[in-house]
Amino acid sequence: LEPVVWLEAGTQIFFSLGLAFGGLIAFSSYNPANNNCYRDALVVSFTNCSTSMFAGVVVFSVIGFKAHSIFDSCVEERTALMALNKTAEADLPVCDLQKELQNSASGTGLAFIIFTEAINQFPAAQLWAVLFFLMLFTLGIDSQFGTLEGVTTSLVDMKLFPNVPKEVIT
């Protein structure tokens, strides 16, 4: 276990909670004064960590499936070439599963390349592709609600626009 991996994991958890953006503070400003904030913090943190771990299992499963598919097709090609006996051993493609795993897409390429190729394996792939990208779009919009709430709640609480309803500021 490398410390850099744990540092990156911690950074991801803090980023996904959006602690520095003010969204959680804005949402919590609507709680009653006697609210159990300690419990809420634990529930939100545990839920965030759990969903991140579940998403990690899904993502790495898809990456593993893709790498294994490429590896299997390489082995089949290598076997077919050896059966034909047309090439020397040195001319055959090298099949390496670890290399395929290391060369897999990351970042936005993960959603737009790897997951798209995985969705193509589904029955009714066009329907699943539309649903997947609709989900990505709505998640992107939804992730901005907390940030927007942090800004609008601050503007309303400072009474910079006293006669303007909050809906208009938003």
C-alpha atoms as a PDB file:
ATOM      1  CA  LEU A   1       0.000   0.000   0.000  1.00  0.00           C
ATOM      2  CA  GLU A   2       1.519   3.241  -1.142  1.00  0.00           C
ATOM      3  CA  PRO A   3       0.872   6.484   0.786  1.00  0.00           C
ATOM      4  CA  VAL A   4       0.233   8.330  -2.475  1.00  0.00           C
ATOM      5  CA  VAL A   5      -2.794   6.107  -3.150  1.00  0.00           C
ATOM      6  CA  TRP A   6      -4.258   6.920   0.275  1.00  0.00           C
ATOM      7  CA  LEU A   7      -3.543  10.620  -0.259  1.00  0.00           C
ATOM      8  CA  GLU A   8      -5.369  10.522  -3.593  1.00  0.00           C
ATOM      9  CA  ALA A   9      -8.290   8.623  -2.027  1.00  0.00           C
ATOM     10  CA  GLY A  10      -8.578  11.187   0.773  1.00  0.00           C
ATOM     11  CA  THR A  11      -8.395  14.026  -1.730  1.00  0.00           C
ATOM     12  CA  GLN A  12     -11.198  12.435  -3.747  1.00  0.00           C
ATOM     13  CA  ILE A  13     -13.413  12.060  -0.663  1.00  0.00           C
ATOM     14  CA  PHE A  14     -12.905  15.711   0.320  1.00  0.00           C
ATOM     15  CA  PHE A  15     -13.533  16.818  -3.252  1.00  0.00           C
ATOM     16  CA  SER A  16     -16.686  14.727  -3.609  1.00  0.00           C
ATOM     17  CA  LEU A  17     -18.051  16.117  -0.344  1.00  0.00           C
ATOM     18  CA  GLY A  18     -17.486  19.634  -1.687  1.00  0.00           C
ATOM     19  CA  LEU A  19     -16.348  20.909   1.701  1.00  0.00           C
ATOM     20  CA  ALA A  20     -14.791  24.161   0.485  1.00  0.00           C
ATOM     21  CA  PHE A  21     -17.655  25.184  -1.802  1.00  0.00           C
ATOM     22  CA  GLY A  22     -20.200  26.050   0.881  1.00  0.00           C
ATOM     23  CA  GLY A  23     -22.964  23.775  -0.371  1.00  0.00           C
ATOM     24  CA  LEU A  24     -23.103  21.606   2.756  1.00  0.00           C
ATOM     25  CA  ILE A  25     -23.083  24.689   4.980  1.00  0.00           C
ATOM     26  CA  ALA A  26     -25.896  26.225   2.936  1.00  0.00           C
ATOM     27  CA  PHE A  27     -27.948  23.022   3.119  1.00  0.00           C
ATOM     28  CA  SER A  28     -27.338  22.685   6.852  1.00  0.00           C
ATOM     29  CA  SER A  29     -28.520  26.250   7.448  1.00  0.00           C
ATOM     30  CA  TYR A  30     -32.058  24.945   6.895  1.00  0.00           C
ATOM     31  CA  ASN A  31     -31.767  22.451   9.780  1.00  0.00           C
ATOM     32  CA  PRO A  32     -33.435  23.152  13.125  1.00  0.00           C
ATOM     33  CA  ALA A  33     -31.216  24.499  15.916  1.00  0.00           C
ATOM     34  CA  ASN A  34     -31.359  21.243  17.892  1.00  0.00           C
ATOM     35  CA  ASN A  35     -30.316  19.056  14.927  1.00  0.00           C
ATOM     36  CA  ASN A  36     -27.777  16.290  15.583  1.00  0.00           C
ATOM     37  CA  CYS A  37     -25.005  17.572  13.293  1.00  0.00           C
ATOM     38  CA  TYR A  38     -22.529  14.917  14.444  1.00  0.00           C
ATOM     39  CA  ARG A  39     -24.875  12.149  13.261  1.00  0.00           C
ATOM     40  CA  ASP A  40     -25.551  13.953   9.981  1.00  0.00           C
ATOM     41  CA  ALA A  41     -21.822  14.365   9.330  1.00  0.00           C
ATOM     42  CA  LEU A  42     -21.230  10.665   9.954  1.00  0.00           C
ATOM     43  CA  VAL A  43     -24.153   9.604   7.750  1.00  0.00           C
ATOM     44  CA  VAL A  44     -23.126  11.871   4.869  1.00  0.00           C
ATOM     45  CA  SER A  45     -19.461  10.836   5.110  1.00  0.00           C
ATOM     46  CA  PHE A  46     -20.274   7.126   5.344  1.00  0.00           C
ATOM     47  CA  THR A  47     -22.745   7.313   2.456  1.00  0.00           C
ATOM     48  CA  ASN A  48     -20.258   9.217   0.310  1.00  0.00           C
ATOM     49  CA  CYS A  49     -17.471   6.746   1.067  1.00  0.00           C
ATOM     50  CA  SER A  50     -19.741   3.743   0.443  1.00  0.00           C
ATOM     51  CA  THR A  51     -21.012   4.993  -2.896  1.00  0.00           C
ATOM     52  CA  SER A  52     -17.458   5.873  -3.953  1.00  0.00           C
ATOM     53  CA  MET A  53     -16.275   2.363  -3.111  1.00  0.00           C
ATOM     54  CA  PHE A  54     -19.229   0.825  -4.971  1.00  0.00           C
ATOM     55  CA  ALA A  55     -18.496   3.030  -7.985  1.00  0.00           C
ATOM     56  CA  GLY A  56     -14.855   1.929  -7.806  1.00  0.00           C
ATOM     57  CA  VAL A  57     -15.883  -1.720  -7.929  1.00  0.00           C
ATOM     58  CA  VAL A  58     -18.054  -1.040 -10.981  1.00  0.00           C
ATOM     59  CA  VAL A  59     -15.374   1.004 -12.752  1.00  0.00           C
ATOM     60  CA  PHE A  60     -12.585  -1.500 -12.149  1.00  0.00           C
ATOM     61  CA  SER A  61     -14.867  -4.362 -13.199  1.00  0.00           C
ATOM     62  CA  VAL A  62     -15.534  -2.645 -16.517  1.00  0.00           C
ATOM     63  CA  ILE A  63     -11.823  -1.898 -17.013  1.00  0.00           C
ATOM     64  CA  GLY A  64     -10.971  -5.522 -16.214  1.00  0.00           C
ATOM     65  CA  PHE A  65     -13.625  -6.781 -18.628  1.00  0.00           C
ATOM     66  CA  LYS A  66     -12.274  -4.565 -21.413  1.00  0.00           C
ATOM     67  CA  ALA A  67      -8.645  -5.585 -20.775  1.00  0.00           C
ATOM     68  CA  HIS A  68      -9.599  -9.260 -20.623  1.00  0.00           C
ATOM     69  CA  SER A  69     -11.520  -8.978 -23.914  1.00  0.00           C
ATOM     70  CA  ILE A  70      -8.502  -7.413 -25.633  1.00  0.00           C
ATOM     71  CA  PHE A  71      -6.240 -10.075 -24.120  1.00  0.00           C
ATOM     72  CA  ASP A  72      -8.530 -12.903 -25.280  1.00  0.00           C
ATOM     73  CA  SER A  73      -8.665 -11.560 -28.843  1.00  0.00           C
ATOM     74  CA  CYS A  74      -4.853 -11.259 -28.844  1.00  0.00           C
ATOM     75  CA  VAL A  75      -4.485 -14.874 -27.689  1.00  0.00           C
ATOM     76  CA  GLU A  76      -6.959 -16.039 -30.354  1.00  0.00           C
ATOM     77  CA  GLU A  77      -5.057 -14.146 -33.043  1.00  0.00           C
ATOM     78  CA  ARG A  78      -1.761 -15.574 -31.805  1.00  0.00           C
ATOM     79  CA  THR A  79      -3.177 -19.109 -31.754  1.00  0.00           C
ATOM     80  CA  ALA A  80      -4.610 -18.751 -35.267  1.00  0.00           C
ATOM     81  CA  LEU A  81      -1.279 -17.499 -36.608  1.00  0.00           C
ATOM     82  CA  MET A  82       0.596 -20.349 -34.947  1.00  0.00           C
ATOM     83  CA  ALA A  83      -1.889 -22.858 -36.395  1.00  0.00           C
ATOM     84  CA  LEU A  84      -1.283 -21.484 -39.859  1.00  0.00           C
ATOM     85  CA  ASN A  85       2.441 -21.755 -39.147  1.00  0.00           C
ATOM     86  CA  LYS A  86       3.036 -18.692 -41.298  1.00  0.00           C
ATOM     87  CA  THR A  87       5.024 -16.585 -38.868  1.00  0.00           C
ATOM     88  CA  ALA A  88       8.051 -17.007 -36.727  1.00  0.00           C
ATOM     89  CA  GLU A  89       7.656 -16.887 -32.945  1.00  0.00           C
ATOM     90  CA  ALA A  90       9.223 -13.409 -32.838  1.00  0.00           C
ATOM     91  CA  ASP A  91       6.645 -12.003 -35.270  1.00  0.00           C
ATOM     92  CA  LEU A  92       3.667 -13.032 -33.164  1.00  0.00           C
ATOM     93  CA  PRO A  93       1.896 -10.348 -31.126  1.00  0.00           C
ATOM     94  CA  VAL A  94       2.766 -10.274 -27.434  1.00  0.00           C
ATOM     95  CA  CYS A  95      -0.303 -10.735 -25.242  1.00  0.00           C
ATOM     96  CA  ASP A  96       0.057  -9.134 -21.825  1.00  0.00           C
ATOM     97  CA  LEU A  97      -2.960  -8.631 -19.568  1.00  0.00           C
ATOM     98  CA  GLN A  98      -1.069  -6.327 -17.178  1.00  0.00           C
ATOM     99  CA  LYS A  99      -0.099  -4.060 -20.080  1.00  0.00           C
ATOM    100  CA  GLU A 100      -3.724  -3.874 -21.215  1.00  0.00           C
ATOM    101  CA  LEU A 101      -4.817  -2.918 -17.694  1.00  0.00           C
ATOM    102  CA  GLN A 102      -2.154  -0.204 -17.464  1.00  0.00           C
ATOM    103  CA  ASN A 103      -3.024   1.222 -20.885  1.00  0.00           C
ATOM    104  CA  SER A 104      -6.738   1.548 -20.133  1.00  0.00           C
ATOM    105  CA  ALA A 105      -8.395   4.935 -20.346  1.00  0.00           C
ATOM    106  CA  SER A 106      -8.692   7.204 -17.336  1.00  0.00           C
ATOM    107  CA  GLY A 107     -10.431  10.475 -16.507  1.00  0.00           C
ATOM    108  CA  THR A 108     -13.112  11.510 -18.962  1.00  0.00           C
ATOM    109  CA  GLY A 109     -11.931   8.803 -21.349  1.00  0.00           C
ATOM    110  CA  LEU A 110     -13.209   6.307 -18.824  1.00  0.00           C
ATOM    111  CA  ALA A 111     -16.808   7.474 -19.182  1.00  0.00           C
ATOM    112  CA  PHE A 112     -16.719   8.216 -22.875  1.00  0.00           C
ATOM    113  CA  ILE A 113     -14.564   5.337 -24.151  1.00  0.00           C
ATOM    114  CA  ILE A 114     -14.490   2.374 -21.785  1.00  0.00           C
ATOM    115  CA  PHE A 115     -18.103   2.585 -20.606  1.00  0.00           C
ATOM    116  CA  THR A 116     -19.337   3.203 -24.139  1.00  0.00           C
ATOM    117  CA  GLU A 117     -17.565   0.070 -25.349  1.00  0.00           C
ATOM    118  CA  ALA A 118     -19.021  -1.883 -22.422  1.00  0.00           C
ATOM    119  CA  ILE A 119     -22.531  -0.593 -23.163  1.00  0.00           C
ATOM    120  CA  ASN A 120     -22.136  -1.785 -26.771  1.00  0.00           C
ATOM    121  CA  GLN A 121     -22.029  -5.334 -25.390  1.00  0.00           C
ATOM    122  CA  PHE A 122     -25.518  -4.986 -23.839  1.00  0.00           C
ATOM    123  CA  PRO A 123     -28.695  -6.092 -25.563  1.00  0.00           C
ATOM    124  CA  ALA A 124     -30.553  -2.981 -26.814  1.00  0.00           C
ATOM    125  CA  ALA A 125     -27.267  -1.067 -26.665  1.00  0.00           C
ATOM    126  CA  GLN A 126     -28.728   2.129 -28.152  1.00  0.00           C
ATOM    127  CA  LEU A 127     -31.289   2.401 -25.359  1.00  0.00           C
ATOM    128  CA  TRP A 128     -28.656   1.815 -22.673  1.00  0.00           C
ATOM    129  CA  ALA A 129     -26.321   4.345 -24.303  1.00  0.00           C
ATOM    130  CA  VAL A 130     -29.023   7.022 -24.271  1.00  0.00           C
ATOM    131  CA  LEU A 131     -29.862   6.227 -20.639  1.00  0.00           C
ATOM    132  CA  PHE A 132     -26.179   6.253 -19.634  1.00  0.00           C
ATOM    133  CA  PHE A 133     -25.415   9.623 -21.197  1.00  0.00           C
ATOM    134  CA  LEU A 134     -28.673  11.076 -19.870  1.00  0.00           C
ATOM    135  CA  MET A 135     -27.567   9.909 -16.421  1.00  0.00           C
ATOM    136  CA  LEU A 136     -24.148  11.552 -16.903  1.00  0.00           C
ATOM    137  CA  PHE A 137     -25.823  14.801 -17.941  1.00  0.00           C
ATOM    138  CA  THR A 138     -28.212  14.846 -14.979  1.00  0.00           C
ATOM    139  CA  LEU A 139     -25.387  13.991 -12.556  1.00  0.00           C
ATOM    140  CA  GLY A 140     -23.372  16.887 -13.942  1.00  0.00           C
ATOM    141  CA  ILE A 141     -26.269  19.309 -13.531  1.00  0.00           C
ATOM    142  CA  ASP A 142     -27.151  17.939 -10.095  1.00  0.00           C
ATOM    143  CA  SER A 143     -23.597  18.311  -8.812  1.00  0.00           C
ATOM    144  CA  GLN A 144     -23.854  22.045  -9.419  1.00  0.00           C
ATOM    145  CA  PHE A 145     -26.929  22.472  -7.203  1.00  0.00           C
ATOM    146  CA  GLY A 146     -24.899  22.412  -3.985  1.00  0.00           C
ATOM    147  CA  THR A 147     -22.422  24.985  -5.266  1.00  0.00           C
ATOM    148  CA  LEU A 148     -25.223  27.218  -6.516  1.00  0.00           C
ATOM    149  CA  GLU A 149     -27.045  26.869  -3.199  1.00  0.00           C
ATOM    150  CA  GLY A 150     -23.910  27.998  -1.354  1.00  0.00           C
ATOM    151  CA  VAL A 151     -23.710  31.158  -3.453  1.00  0.00           C
ATOM    152  CA  THR A 152     -27.422  32.029  -3.444  1.00  0.00           C
ATOM    153  CA  THR A 153     -27.865  31.394   0.293  1.00  0.00           C
ATOM    154  CA  SER A 154     -24.937  33.704   1.014  1.00  0.00           C
ATOM    155  CA  LEU A 155     -26.371  36.430  -1.218  1.00  0.00           C
ATOM    156  CA  VAL A 156     -29.831  36.145   0.356  1.00  0.00           C
ATOM    157  CA  ASP A 157     -28.451  36.081   3.927  1.00  0.00           C
ATOM    158  CA  MET A 158     -26.330  39.204   3.292  1.00  0.00           C
ATOM    159  CA  LYS A 159     -29.503  40.949   2.074  1.00  0.00           C
ATOM    160  CA  LEU A 160     -27.704  42.444  -0.917  1.00  0.00           C
ATOM    161  CA  PHE A 161     -30.938  42.158  -2.876  1.00  0.00           C
ATOM    162  CA  PRO A 162     -33.641  42.657  -0.214  1.00  0.00           C
ATOM    163  CA  ASN A 163     -36.663  42.849  -2.515  1.00  0.00           C
ATOM    164  CA  VAL A 164     -35.628  40.120  -4.940  1.00  0.00           C
ATOM    165  CA  PRO A 165     -36.953  36.589  -4.281  1.00  0.00           C
ATOM    166  CA  LYS A 166     -34.413  33.796  -3.924  1.00  0.00           C
ATOM    167  CA  GLU A 167     -35.756  32.057  -7.022  1.00  0.00           C
ATOM    168  CA  VAL A 168     -34.855  35.077  -9.158  1.00  0.00           C
ATOM    169  CA  ILE A 169     -31.335  35.249  -7.686  1.00  0.00           C
ATOM    170  CA  THR A 170     -30.885  31.588  -8.515  1.00  0.00           C
END
